[in-house]
Amino acid sequence: MYSRKLIVEVLIAGERQPCPLDWLDSFCMRNFTGSAEFDDTLPMGDGLLEAGLRVDPARLASALGAWLTKRGKGGGKPVAVEIHRQ
């Protein structure tokens, strides 16, 4: 089910860092997007995520960025997310 290893980075005010594990865990375990495709995700550590083939990394990055921004994780600034294959 988790056939791909992905690197998840957040960009806040021009600074890039691995997405914290607790942010990934909150999004993946309590996903509020209503999109079943994101059920096939498993956070493994800061900036590390395993995902099934149904997960579109671009859609995941967009949904995660919007969710993090809405939750104020950027300190009032938008949170951009980039996802790459490991």
C-alpha atoms as a PDB file:
ATOM      1  CA  MET A   1       0.000   0.000   0.000  1.00  0.00           C
ATOM      2  CA  TYR A   2       2.788   2.488   0.873  1.00  0.00           C
ATOM      3  CA  SER A   3       4.904   1.978  -2.228  1.00  0.00           C
ATOM      4  CA  ARG A   4       6.481   5.458  -2.507  1.00  0.00           C
ATOM      5  CA  LYS A   5       8.780   7.321  -0.162  1.00  0.00           C
ATOM      6  CA  LEU A   6       8.302  11.088  -0.336  1.00  0.00           C
ATOM      7  CA  ILE A   7      10.180  14.085   1.025  1.00  0.00           C
ATOM      8  CA  VAL A   8       7.876  16.853   2.259  1.00  0.00           C
ATOM      9  CA  GLU A   9       9.272  20.374   2.670  1.00  0.00           C
ATOM     10  CA  VAL A  10       7.500  23.516   3.832  1.00  0.00           C
ATOM     11  CA  LEU A  11       8.377  27.020   2.700  1.00  0.00           C
ATOM     12  CA  ILE A  12       7.452  29.839   5.050  1.00  0.00           C
ATOM     13  CA  ALA A  13       8.595  33.382   4.298  1.00  0.00           C
ATOM     14  CA  GLY A  14      11.240  32.037   1.926  1.00  0.00           C
ATOM     15  CA  GLU A  15      12.679  29.575   4.447  1.00  0.00           C
ATOM     16  CA  ARG A  16      12.655  25.892   3.560  1.00  0.00           C
ATOM     17  CA  GLN A  17      12.550  23.134   6.171  1.00  0.00           C
ATOM     18  CA  PRO A  18      11.350  19.537   6.470  1.00  0.00           C
ATOM     19  CA  CYS A  19       7.682  19.405   7.397  1.00  0.00           C
ATOM     20  CA  PRO A  20       7.506  18.597  11.124  1.00  0.00           C
ATOM     21  CA  LEU A  21       6.262  15.102  11.905  1.00  0.00           C
ATOM     22  CA  ASP A  22       3.443  16.388  14.134  1.00  0.00           C
ATOM     23  CA  TRP A  23       2.091  18.515  11.251  1.00  0.00           C
ATOM     24  CA  LEU A  24       2.195  15.544   8.860  1.00  0.00           C
ATOM     25  CA  ASP A  25       0.634  13.291  11.471  1.00  0.00           C
ATOM     26  CA  SER A  26      -2.202  15.720  12.209  1.00  0.00           C
ATOM     27  CA  PHE A  27      -3.010  16.126   8.530  1.00  0.00           C
ATOM     28  CA  CYS A  28      -2.757  12.452   7.628  1.00  0.00           C
ATOM     29  CA  MET A  29      -4.536  11.059  10.671  1.00  0.00           C
ATOM     30  CA  ARG A  30      -7.273  13.677  10.900  1.00  0.00           C
ATOM     31  CA  ASN A  31      -7.554  14.659   7.267  1.00  0.00           C
ATOM     32  CA  PHE A  32     -10.239  17.306   6.834  1.00  0.00           C
ATOM     33  CA  THR A  33     -10.047  17.503   3.040  1.00  0.00           C
ATOM     34  CA  GLY A  34     -12.652  14.784   2.545  1.00  0.00           C
ATOM     35  CA  SER A  35     -10.414  13.218  -0.111  1.00  0.00           C
ATOM     36  CA  ALA A  36     -10.038   9.477   0.367  1.00  0.00           C
ATOM     37  CA  GLU A  37      -6.835   9.381  -1.695  1.00  0.00           C
ATOM     38  CA  PHE A  38      -4.917  10.900   1.231  1.00  0.00           C
ATOM     39  CA  ASP A  39      -5.871   7.938   3.423  1.00  0.00           C
ATOM     40  CA  ASP A  40      -2.965   6.105   1.775  1.00  0.00           C
ATOM     41  CA  THR A  41      -0.308   8.137   3.591  1.00  0.00           C
ATOM     42  CA  LEU A  42       1.930   7.248   6.515  1.00  0.00           C
ATOM     43  CA  PRO A  43       4.167   9.865   8.189  1.00  0.00           C
ATOM     44  CA  MET A  44       7.600   8.399   9.007  1.00  0.00           C
ATOM     45  CA  GLY A  45       9.505  11.363  10.451  1.00  0.00           C
ATOM     46  CA  ASP A  46      10.181  15.054   9.900  1.00  0.00           C
ATOM     47  CA  GLY A  47       9.795  15.598   6.166  1.00  0.00           C
ATOM     48  CA  LEU A  48       9.276  11.909   5.413  1.00  0.00           C
ATOM     49  CA  LEU A  49       6.072  10.331   4.211  1.00  0.00           C
ATOM     50  CA  GLU A  50       5.206   7.007   2.634  1.00  0.00           C
ATOM     51  CA  ALA A  51       2.291   6.996   0.218  1.00  0.00           C
ATOM     52  CA  GLY A  52       0.301   4.661  -1.968  1.00  0.00           C
ATOM     53  CA  LEU A  53      -0.041   4.949  -5.720  1.00  0.00           C
ATOM     54  CA  ARG A  54      -3.445   6.664  -5.452  1.00  0.00           C
ATOM     55  CA  VAL A  55      -1.816   9.720  -3.836  1.00  0.00           C
ATOM     56  CA  ASP A  56      -1.028  12.534  -6.293  1.00  0.00           C
ATOM     57  CA  PRO A  57       1.953  14.393  -4.739  1.00  0.00           C
ATOM     58  CA  ALA A  58       0.946  17.719  -6.338  1.00  0.00           C
ATOM     59  CA  ARG A  59      -2.603  17.502  -4.946  1.00  0.00           C
ATOM     60  CA  LEU A  60      -1.255  16.424  -1.567  1.00  0.00           C
ATOM     61  CA  ALA A  61       1.164  19.389  -1.490  1.00  0.00           C
ATOM     62  CA  SER A  62      -1.621  21.828  -2.352  1.00  0.00           C
ATOM     63  CA  ALA A  63      -4.064  20.403   0.202  1.00  0.00           C
ATOM     64  CA  LEU A  64      -1.422  20.211   2.955  1.00  0.00           C
ATOM     65  CA  GLY A  65      -0.241  23.771   2.285  1.00  0.00           C
ATOM     66  CA  ALA A  66      -3.780  25.135   2.435  1.00  0.00           C
ATOM     67  CA  TRP A  67      -4.504  23.176   5.623  1.00  0.00           C
ATOM     68  CA  LEU A  68      -1.291  24.341   7.348  1.00  0.00           C
ATOM     69  CA  THR A  69      -1.936  27.955   6.356  1.00  0.00           C
ATOM     70  CA  LYS A  70      -5.509  27.775   7.651  1.00  0.00           C
ATOM     71  CA  ARG A  71      -4.241  26.339  10.969  1.00  0.00           C
ATOM     72  CA  GLY A  72      -1.791  29.263  11.362  1.00  0.00           C
ATOM     73  CA  LYS A  73       1.345  27.122  11.117  1.00  0.00           C
ATOM     74  CA  GLY A  74       3.074  29.845   9.108  1.00  0.00           C
ATOM     75  CA  GLY A  75       2.719  32.440  11.852  1.00  0.00           C
ATOM     76  CA  GLY A  76       0.306  34.480   9.752  1.00  0.00           C
ATOM     77  CA  LYS A  77       2.182  33.818   6.500  1.00  0.00           C
ATOM     78  CA  PRO A  78       1.137  31.347   3.811  1.00  0.00           C
ATOM     79  CA  VAL A  79       2.703  27.893   3.942  1.00  0.00           C
ATOM     80  CA  ALA A  80       3.830  26.405   0.642  1.00  0.00           C
ATOM     81  CA  VAL A  81       4.566  22.695   0.457  1.00  0.00           C
ATOM     82  CA  GLU A  82       6.853  20.885  -1.968  1.00  0.00           C
ATOM     83  CA  ILE A  83       6.874  17.110  -2.246  1.00  0.00           C
ATOM     84  CA  HIS A  84       9.580  15.111  -4.006  1.00  0.00           C
ATOM     85  CA  ARG A  85      10.297  11.401  -4.364  1.00  0.00           C
ATOM     86  CA  GLN A  86      13.062  10.144  -2.130  1.00  0.00           C
END
